[in-house]
Amino acid sequence: LGLIGQLLDQMVPGQKPKPPVPPKRDTGYRPI
C-alpha cells in the first residue's frame, strides 16, 4: 500500500493551490 502511494505521487503531478478568491462586497449598486 505504501508503494502504491509513492507511485501515485509520481503518476499524477501535484498542483499548486489557487489563491482564494475574495468574496465580492455588495455595494448596493447594480449596473444595468
PDB file of all heavy atoms in Angstrom:
ATOM      1  N   LEU A   1       0.834  -1.201   0.000  1.00  0.00           N
ATOM      2  CA  LEU A   1       0.000   0.000   0.000  1.00  0.00           C
ATOM      3  C   LEU A   1       0.873   1.256   0.000  1.00  0.00           C
ATOM      4  O   LEU A   1       0.571   2.237  -0.681  1.00  0.00           O
ATOM      5  CB  LEU A   1      -0.931  -0.014   1.214  1.00  0.00           C
ATOM      6  CG  LEU A   1      -2.001   1.052   1.262  1.00  0.00           C
ATOM      7  CD1 LEU A   1      -2.934   0.954   0.071  1.00  0.00           C
ATOM      8  CD2 LEU A   1      -2.797   0.946   2.551  1.00  0.00           C
ATOM      9  N   GLY A   2       1.981   1.225   0.726  1.00  0.00           N
ATOM     10  CA  GLY A   2       2.901   2.352   0.730  1.00  0.00           C
ATOM     11  C   GLY A   2       3.522   2.580  -0.641  1.00  0.00           C
ATOM     12  O   GLY A   2       3.685   3.721  -1.080  1.00  0.00           O
ATOM     13  N   LEU A   3       3.856   1.504  -1.350  1.00  0.00           N
ATOM     14  CA  LEU A   3       4.416   1.635  -2.701  1.00  0.00           C
ATOM     15  C   LEU A   3       3.389   2.219  -3.669  1.00  0.00           C
ATOM     16  O   LEU A   3       3.732   3.032  -4.529  1.00  0.00           O
ATOM     17  CB  LEU A   3       4.907   0.277  -3.209  1.00  0.00           C
ATOM     18  CG  LEU A   3       6.173  -0.243  -2.527  1.00  0.00           C
ATOM     19  CD1 LEU A   3       6.470  -1.674  -2.986  1.00  0.00           C
ATOM     20  CD2 LEU A   3       7.347   0.663  -2.816  1.00  0.00           C
ATOM     21  N   ILE A   4       2.149   1.814  -3.518  1.00  0.00           N
ATOM     22  CA  ILE A   4       1.091   2.378  -4.373  1.00  0.00           C
ATOM     23  C   ILE A   4       0.990   3.881  -4.145  1.00  0.00           C
ATOM     24  O   ILE A   4       0.880   4.667  -5.087  1.00  0.00           O
ATOM     25  CB  ILE A   4      -0.261   1.683  -4.093  1.00  0.00           C
ATOM     26  CG1 ILE A   4      -0.224   0.252  -4.612  1.00  0.00           C
ATOM     27  CG2 ILE A   4      -1.413   2.454  -4.726  1.00  0.00           C
ATOM     28  CD1 ILE A   4      -1.411  -0.582  -4.199  1.00  0.00           C
ATOM     29  N   GLY A   5       1.056   4.302  -2.891  1.00  0.00           N
ATOM     30  CA  GLY A   5       1.003   5.729  -2.588  1.00  0.00           C
ATOM     31  C   GLY A   5       2.165   6.483  -3.204  1.00  0.00           C
ATOM     32  O   GLY A   5       1.997   7.586  -3.737  1.00  0.00           O
ATOM     33  N   GLN A   6       3.369   5.902  -3.168  1.00  0.00           N
ATOM     34  CA  GLN A   6       4.537   6.553  -3.765  1.00  0.00           C
ATOM     35  C   GLN A   6       4.399   6.642  -5.280  1.00  0.00           C
ATOM     36  O   GLN A   6       4.773   7.652  -5.889  1.00  0.00           O
ATOM     37  CB  GLN A   6       5.809   5.790  -3.404  1.00  0.00           C
ATOM     38  CG  GLN A   6       6.176   5.907  -1.946  1.00  0.00           C
ATOM     39  CD  GLN A   6       7.386   5.052  -1.600  1.00  0.00           C
ATOM     40  OE1 GLN A   6       8.110   4.586  -2.470  1.00  0.00           O
ATOM     41  NE2 GLN A   6       7.607   4.846  -0.309  1.00  0.00           N
ATOM     42  N   LEU A   7       3.870   5.599  -5.905  1.00  0.00           N
ATOM     43  CA  LEU A   7       3.704   5.610  -7.359  1.00  0.00           C
ATOM     44  C   LEU A   7       2.633   6.606  -7.782  1.00  0.00           C
ATOM     45  O   LEU A   7       2.765   7.260  -8.813  1.00  0.00           O
ATOM     46  CB  LEU A   7       3.375   4.211  -7.873  1.00  0.00           C
ATOM     47  CG  LEU A   7       4.535   3.217  -7.801  1.00  0.00           C
ATOM     48  CD1 LEU A   7       4.058   1.817  -8.179  1.00  0.00           C
ATOM     49  CD2 LEU A   7       5.672   3.653  -8.703  1.00  0.00           C
ATOM     50  N   LEU A   8       1.574   6.726  -7.016  1.00  0.00           N
ATOM     51  CA  LEU A   8       0.536   7.708  -7.342  1.00  0.00           C
ATOM     52  C   LEU A   8       1.108   9.123  -7.337  1.00  0.00           C
ATOM     53  O   LEU A   8       0.748   9.953  -8.161  1.00  0.00           O
ATOM     54  CB  LEU A   8      -0.622   7.621  -6.350  1.00  0.00           C
ATOM     55  CG  LEU A   8      -1.583   6.466  -6.539  1.00  0.00           C
ATOM     56  CD1 LEU A   8      -2.600   6.446  -5.405  1.00  0.00           C
ATOM     57  CD2 LEU A   8      -2.283   6.557  -7.872  1.00  0.00           C
ATOM     58  N   ASP A   9       2.012   9.377  -6.428  1.00  0.00           N
ATOM     59  CA  ASP A   9       2.631  10.695  -6.347  1.00  0.00           C
ATOM     60  C   ASP A   9       3.451  10.986  -7.604  1.00  0.00           C
ATOM     61  O   ASP A   9       3.549  12.125  -8.040  1.00  0.00           O
ATOM     62  CB  ASP A   9       3.513  10.772  -5.103  1.00  0.00           C
ATOM     63  CG  ASP A   9       4.036  12.165  -4.839  1.00  0.00           C
ATOM     64  OD1 ASP A   9       3.258  13.122  -4.995  1.00  0.00           O
ATOM     65  OD2 ASP A   9       5.204  12.296  -4.463  1.00  0.00           O
ATOM     66  N   GLN A  10       4.041   9.954  -8.195  1.00  0.00           N
ATOM     67  CA  GLN A  10       4.826  10.132  -9.410  1.00  0.00           C
ATOM     68  C   GLN A  10       3.957  10.153 -10.660  1.00  0.00           C
ATOM     69  O   GLN A  10       4.293  10.802 -11.644  1.00  0.00           O
ATOM     70  CB  GLN A  10       5.874   9.031  -9.535  1.00  0.00           C
ATOM     71  CG  GLN A  10       6.934   9.112  -8.467  1.00  0.00           C
ATOM     72  CD  GLN A  10       7.954   8.007  -8.583  1.00  0.00           C
ATOM     73  OE1 GLN A  10       7.965   7.252  -9.546  1.00  0.00           O
ATOM     74  NE2 GLN A  10       8.815   7.893  -7.589  1.00  0.00           N
ATOM     75  N   MET A  11       2.836   9.438 -10.638  1.00  0.00           N
ATOM     76  CA  MET A  11       1.962   9.359 -11.812  1.00  0.00           C
ATOM     77  C   MET A  11       1.192  10.658 -12.021  1.00  0.00           C
ATOM     78  O   MET A  11       1.005  11.107 -13.142  1.00  0.00           O
ATOM     79  CB  MET A  11       0.958   8.213 -11.658  1.00  0.00           C
ATOM     80  CG  MET A  11       1.569   6.850 -11.776  1.00  0.00           C
ATOM     81  SD  MET A  11       0.432   5.503 -11.381  1.00  0.00           S
ATOM     82  CE  MET A  11      -1.058   5.947 -12.179  1.00  0.00           C
ATOM     83  N   VAL A  12       0.720  11.241 -10.956  1.00  0.00           N
ATOM     84  CA  VAL A  12      -0.108  12.440 -11.041  1.00  0.00           C
ATOM     85  C   VAL A  12       0.659  13.578 -10.383  1.00  0.00           C
ATOM     86  O   VAL A  12       0.819  13.584  -9.163  1.00  0.00           O
ATOM     87  CB  VAL A  12      -1.462  12.225 -10.326  1.00  0.00           C
ATOM     88  CG1 VAL A  12      -2.329  13.453 -10.438  1.00  0.00           C
ATOM     89  CG2 VAL A  12      -2.172  11.006 -10.881  1.00  0.00           C
ATOM     90  N   PRO A  13       1.156  14.513 -11.178  1.00  0.00           N
ATOM     91  CA  PRO A  13       1.908  15.596 -10.558  1.00  0.00           C
ATOM     92  C   PRO A  13       1.006  16.461  -9.686  1.00  0.00           C
ATOM     93  O   PRO A  13      -0.172  16.639  -9.967  1.00  0.00           O
ATOM     94  CB  PRO A  13       2.441  16.389 -11.751  1.00  0.00           C
ATOM     95  CG  PRO A  13       1.521  16.068 -12.870  1.00  0.00           C
ATOM     96  CD  PRO A  13       1.018  14.673 -12.613  1.00  0.00           C
ATOM     97  N   GLY A  14       1.594  16.980  -8.648  1.00  0.00           N
ATOM     98  CA  GLY A  14       0.843  17.854  -7.767  1.00  0.00           C
ATOM     99  C   GLY A  14       0.532  19.182  -8.446  1.00  0.00           C
ATOM    100  O   GLY A  14       1.167  19.570  -9.416  1.00  0.00           O
ATOM    101  N   GLN A  15      -0.476  19.844  -7.950  1.00  0.00           N
ATOM    102  CA  GLN A  15      -0.864  21.144  -8.484  1.00  0.00           C
ATOM    103  C   GLN A  15      -0.780  22.170  -7.369  1.00  0.00           C
ATOM    104  O   GLN A  15      -1.170  21.902  -6.239  1.00  0.00           O
ATOM    105  CB  GLN A  15      -2.289  21.096  -9.037  1.00  0.00           C
ATOM    106  CG  GLN A  15      -2.432  20.154 -10.206  1.00  0.00           C
ATOM    107  CD  GLN A  15      -3.876  20.118 -10.693  1.00  0.00           C
ATOM    108  OE1 GLN A  15      -4.754  20.743 -10.128  1.00  0.00           O
ATOM    109  NE2 GLN A  15      -4.105  19.368 -11.744  1.00  0.00           N
ATOM    110  N   LYS A  16      -0.265  23.332  -7.738  1.00  0.00           N
ATOM    111  CA  LYS A  16      -0.193  24.425  -6.773  1.00  0.00           C
ATOM    112  C   LYS A  16      -1.614  24.921  -6.505  1.00  0.00           C
ATOM    113  O   LYS A  16      -2.369  25.179  -7.442  1.00  0.00           O
ATOM    114  CB  LYS A  16       0.666  25.547  -7.344  1.00  0.00           C
ATOM    115  CG  LYS A  16       0.894  26.687  -6.398  1.00  0.00           C
ATOM    116  CD  LYS A  16       1.814  27.724  -7.000  1.00  0.00           C
ATOM    117  CE  LYS A  16       2.044  28.862  -6.044  1.00  0.00           C
ATOM    118  NZ  LYS A  16       2.936  29.872  -6.621  1.00  0.00           N
ATOM    119  N   PRO A  17      -2.000  25.039  -5.243  1.00  0.00           N
ATOM    120  CA  PRO A  17      -3.360  25.509  -4.966  1.00  0.00           C
ATOM    121  C   PRO A  17      -3.553  26.936  -5.466  1.00  0.00           C
ATOM    122  O   PRO A  17      -2.661  27.771  -5.391  1.00  0.00           O
ATOM    123  CB  PRO A  17      -3.473  25.453  -3.444  1.00  0.00           C
ATOM    124  CG  PRO A  17      -2.187  24.943  -2.932  1.00  0.00           C
ATOM    125  CD  PRO A  17      -1.236  24.741  -4.054  1.00  0.00           C
ATOM    126  N   LYS A  18      -4.732  27.191  -5.987  1.00  0.00           N
ATOM    127  CA  LYS A  18      -5.061  28.529  -6.459  1.00  0.00           C
ATOM    128  C   LYS A  18      -5.371  29.414  -5.255  1.00  0.00           C
ATOM    129  O   LYS A  18      -5.950  28.945  -4.272  1.00  0.00           O
ATOM    130  CB  LYS A  18      -6.272  28.481  -7.384  1.00  0.00           C
ATOM    131  CG  LYS A  18      -5.990  27.724  -8.650  1.00  0.00           C
ATOM    132  CD  LYS A  18      -7.210  27.647  -9.538  1.00  0.00           C
ATOM    133  CE  LYS A  18      -6.893  26.847 -10.783  1.00  0.00           C
ATOM    134  NZ  LYS A  18      -8.057  26.643 -11.619  1.00  0.00           N
ATOM    135  N   PRO A  19      -4.976  30.680  -5.318  1.00  0.00           N
ATOM    136  CA  PRO A  19      -5.283  31.564  -4.182  1.00  0.00           C
ATOM    137  C   PRO A  19      -6.797  31.743  -4.054  1.00  0.00           C
ATOM    138  O   PRO A  19      -7.513  31.749  -5.055  1.00  0.00           O
ATOM    139  CB  PRO A  19      -4.602  32.881  -4.551  1.00  0.00           C
ATOM    140  CG  PRO A  19      -4.388  32.828  -6.023  1.00  0.00           C
ATOM    141  CD  PRO A  19      -4.285  31.371  -6.389  1.00  0.00           C
ATOM    142  N   PRO A  20      -7.275  31.870  -2.838  1.00  0.00           N
ATOM    143  CA  PRO A  20      -8.719  32.029  -2.659  1.00  0.00           C
ATOM    144  C   PRO A  20      -9.209  33.344  -3.267  1.00  0.00           C
ATOM    145  O   PRO A  20      -8.527  34.362  -3.230  1.00  0.00           O
ATOM    146  CB  PRO A  20      -8.910  32.027  -1.144  1.00  0.00           C
ATOM    147  CG  PRO A  20      -7.567  32.372  -0.592  1.00  0.00           C
ATOM    148  CD  PRO A  20      -6.545  31.909  -1.590  1.00  0.00           C
ATOM    149  N   VAL A  21     -10.384  33.287  -3.830  1.00  0.00           N
ATOM    150  CA  VAL A  21     -10.992  34.477  -4.414  1.00  0.00           C
ATOM    151  C   VAL A  21     -11.722  35.226  -3.308  1.00  0.00           C
ATOM    152  O   VAL A  21     -12.564  34.645  -2.617  1.00  0.00           O
ATOM    153  CB  VAL A  21     -11.991  34.076  -5.534  1.00  0.00           C
ATOM    154  CG1 VAL A  21     -12.673  35.290  -6.114  1.00  0.00           C
ATOM    155  CG2 VAL A  21     -11.279  33.277  -6.603  1.00  0.00           C
ATOM    156  N   PRO A  22     -11.370  36.486  -3.092  1.00  0.00           N
ATOM    157  CA  PRO A  22     -12.057  37.221  -2.023  1.00  0.00           C
ATOM    158  C   PRO A  22     -13.540  37.394  -2.370  1.00  0.00           C
ATOM    159  O   PRO A  22     -13.892  37.585  -3.534  1.00  0.00           O
ATOM    160  CB  PRO A  22     -11.343  38.569  -1.980  1.00  0.00           C
ATOM    161  CG  PRO A  22     -10.638  38.701  -3.280  1.00  0.00           C
ATOM    162  CD  PRO A  22     -10.401  37.310  -3.798  1.00  0.00           C
ATOM    163  N   PRO A  23     -14.395  37.302  -1.387  1.00  0.00           N
ATOM    164  CA  PRO A  23     -15.827  37.460  -1.671  1.00  0.00           C
ATOM    165  C   PRO A  23     -16.128  38.881  -2.133  1.00  0.00           C
ATOM    166  O   PRO A  23     -15.503  39.838  -1.689  1.00  0.00           O
ATOM    167  CB  PRO A  23     -16.499  37.169  -0.329  1.00  0.00           C
ATOM    168  CG  PRO A  23     -15.439  37.378   0.690  1.00  0.00           C
ATOM    169  CD  PRO A  23     -14.129  37.090   0.020  1.00  0.00           C
ATOM    170  N   LYS A  24     -17.065  38.988  -3.054  1.00  0.00           N
ATOM    171  CA  LYS A  24     -17.452  40.303  -3.553  1.00  0.00           C
ATOM    172  C   LYS A  24     -18.368  40.980  -2.545  1.00  0.00           C
ATOM    173  O   LYS A  24     -19.265  40.369  -1.996  1.00  0.00           O
ATOM    174  CB  LYS A  24     -18.168  40.167  -4.899  1.00  0.00           C
ATOM    175  CG  LYS A  24     -17.243  39.681  -5.982  1.00  0.00           C
ATOM    176  CD  LYS A  24     -17.940  39.717  -7.323  1.00  0.00           C
ATOM    177  CE  LYS A  24     -16.974  39.300  -8.410  1.00  0.00           C
ATOM    178  NZ  LYS A  24     -17.544  39.422  -9.733  1.00  0.00           N
ATOM    179  N   ARG A  25     -18.085  42.246  -2.318  1.00  0.00           N
ATOM    180  CA  ARG A  25     -18.922  43.014  -1.403  1.00  0.00           C
ATOM    181  C   ARG A  25     -20.149  43.518  -2.150  1.00  0.00           C
ATOM    182  O   ARG A  25     -20.073  43.922  -3.301  1.00  0.00           O
ATOM    183  CB  ARG A  25     -18.141  44.203  -0.860  1.00  0.00           C
ATOM    184  CG  ARG A  25     -17.020  43.799   0.055  1.00  0.00           C
ATOM    185  CD  ARG A  25     -16.251  44.967   0.611  1.00  0.00           C
ATOM    186  NE  ARG A  25     -17.028  46.186   0.713  1.00  0.00           N
ATOM    187  CZ  ARG A  25     -16.532  47.401   0.521  1.00  0.00           C
ATOM    188  NH1 ARG A  25     -15.272  47.551   0.214  1.00  0.00           N
ATOM    189  NH2 ARG A  25     -17.297  48.464   0.624  1.00  0.00           N
ATOM    190  N   ASP A  26     -21.248  43.521  -1.476  1.00  0.00           N
ATOM    191  CA  ASP A  26     -22.478  44.058  -2.054  1.00  0.00           C
ATOM    192  C   ASP A  26     -22.482  45.563  -1.823  1.00  0.00           C
ATOM    193  O   ASP A  26     -22.612  46.038  -0.699  1.00  0.00           O
ATOM    194  CB  ASP A  26     -23.695  43.405  -1.409  1.00  0.00           C
ATOM    195  CG  ASP A  26     -24.992  43.879  -2.048  1.00  0.00           C
ATOM    196  OD1 ASP A  26     -24.931  44.490  -3.132  1.00  0.00           O
ATOM    197  OD2 ASP A  26     -26.051  43.624  -1.456  1.00  0.00           O
ATOM    198  N   THR A  27     -22.294  46.321  -2.901  1.00  0.00           N
ATOM    199  CA  THR A  27     -22.252  47.777  -2.772  1.00  0.00           C
ATOM    200  C   THR A  27     -23.638  48.390  -2.872  1.00  0.00           C
ATOM    201  O   THR A  27     -23.799  49.584  -2.652  1.00  0.00           O
ATOM    202  CB  THR A  27     -21.369  48.371  -3.879  1.00  0.00           C
ATOM    203  OG1 THR A  27     -21.937  48.042  -5.154  1.00  0.00           O
ATOM    204  CG2 THR A  27     -19.951  47.832  -3.791  1.00  0.00           C
ATOM    205  N   GLY A  28     -24.607  47.598  -3.230  1.00  0.00           N
ATOM    206  CA  GLY A  28     -25.951  48.134  -3.413  1.00  0.00           C
ATOM    207  C   GLY A  28     -26.162  48.695  -4.799  1.00  0.00           C
ATOM    208  O   GLY A  28     -27.269  49.035  -5.182  1.00  0.00           O
ATOM    209  N   TYR A  29     -25.098  48.810  -5.572  1.00  0.00           N
ATOM    210  CA  TYR A  29     -25.189  49.335  -6.931  1.00  0.00           C
ATOM    211  C   TYR A  29     -25.225  48.179  -7.895  1.00  0.00           C
ATOM    212  O   TYR A  29     -24.409  47.274  -7.829  1.00  0.00           O
ATOM    213  CB  TYR A  29     -23.966  50.214  -7.212  1.00  0.00           C
ATOM    214  CG  TYR A  29     -23.861  50.657  -8.655  1.00  0.00           C
ATOM    215  CD1 TYR A  29     -24.697  51.639  -9.159  1.00  0.00           C
ATOM    216  CD2 TYR A  29     -22.933  50.081  -9.501  1.00  0.00           C
ATOM    217  CE1 TYR A  29     -24.616  52.044 -10.472  1.00  0.00           C
ATOM    218  CE2 TYR A  29     -22.827  50.474 -10.815  1.00  0.00           C
ATOM    219  CZ  TYR A  29     -23.673  51.457 -11.307  1.00  0.00           C
ATOM    220  OH  TYR A  29     -23.586  51.845 -12.611  1.00  0.00           O
ATOM    221  N   ARG A  30     -26.176  48.193  -8.796  1.00  0.00           N
ATOM    222  CA  ARG A  30     -26.269  47.154  -9.807  1.00  0.00           C
ATOM    223  C   ARG A  30     -26.344  47.823 -11.165  1.00  0.00           C
ATOM    224  O   ARG A  30     -27.366  48.433 -11.509  1.00  0.00           O
ATOM    225  CB  ARG A  30     -27.517  46.298  -9.601  1.00  0.00           C
ATOM    226  CG  ARG A  30     -27.612  45.131 -10.576  1.00  0.00           C
ATOM    227  CD  ARG A  30     -28.851  44.289 -10.358  1.00  0.00           C
ATOM    228  NE  ARG A  30     -30.064  44.944 -10.814  1.00  0.00           N
ATOM    229  CZ  ARG A  30     -30.552  44.876 -12.051  1.00  0.00           C
ATOM    230  NH1 ARG A  30     -29.924  44.183 -12.972  1.00  0.00           N
ATOM    231  NH2 ARG A  30     -31.660  45.483 -12.390  1.00  0.00           N
ATOM    232  N   PRO A  31     -25.244  47.741 -11.935  1.00  0.00           N
ATOM    233  CA  PRO A  31     -25.317  48.359 -13.265  1.00  0.00           C
ATOM    234  C   PRO A  31     -26.290  47.587 -14.146  1.00  0.00           C
ATOM    235  O   PRO A  31     -26.359  46.364 -14.074  1.00  0.00           O
ATOM    236  CB  PRO A  31     -23.890  48.239 -13.779  1.00  0.00           C
ATOM    237  CG  PRO A  31     -23.280  47.133 -13.006  1.00  0.00           C
ATOM    238  CD  PRO A  31     -23.972  47.106 -11.682  1.00  0.00           C
ATOM    239  N   ILE A  32     -27.045  48.296 -14.907  1.00  0.00           N
ATOM    240  CA  ILE A  32     -27.980  47.632 -15.809  1.00  0.00           C
ATOM    241  C   ILE A  32     -27.562  47.915 -17.241  1.00  0.00           C
ATOM    242  O   ILE A  32     -26.989  48.962 -17.543  1.00  0.00           O
ATOM    243  CB  ILE A  32     -29.439  48.089 -15.572  1.00  0.00           C
ATOM    244  CG1 ILE A  32     -29.560  49.602 -15.698  1.00  0.00           C
ATOM    245  CG2 ILE A  32     -29.923  47.623 -14.214  1.00  0.00           C
ATOM    246  CD1 ILE A  32     -30.973  50.103 -15.558  1.00  0.00           C
TER     247      ILE A  32
END
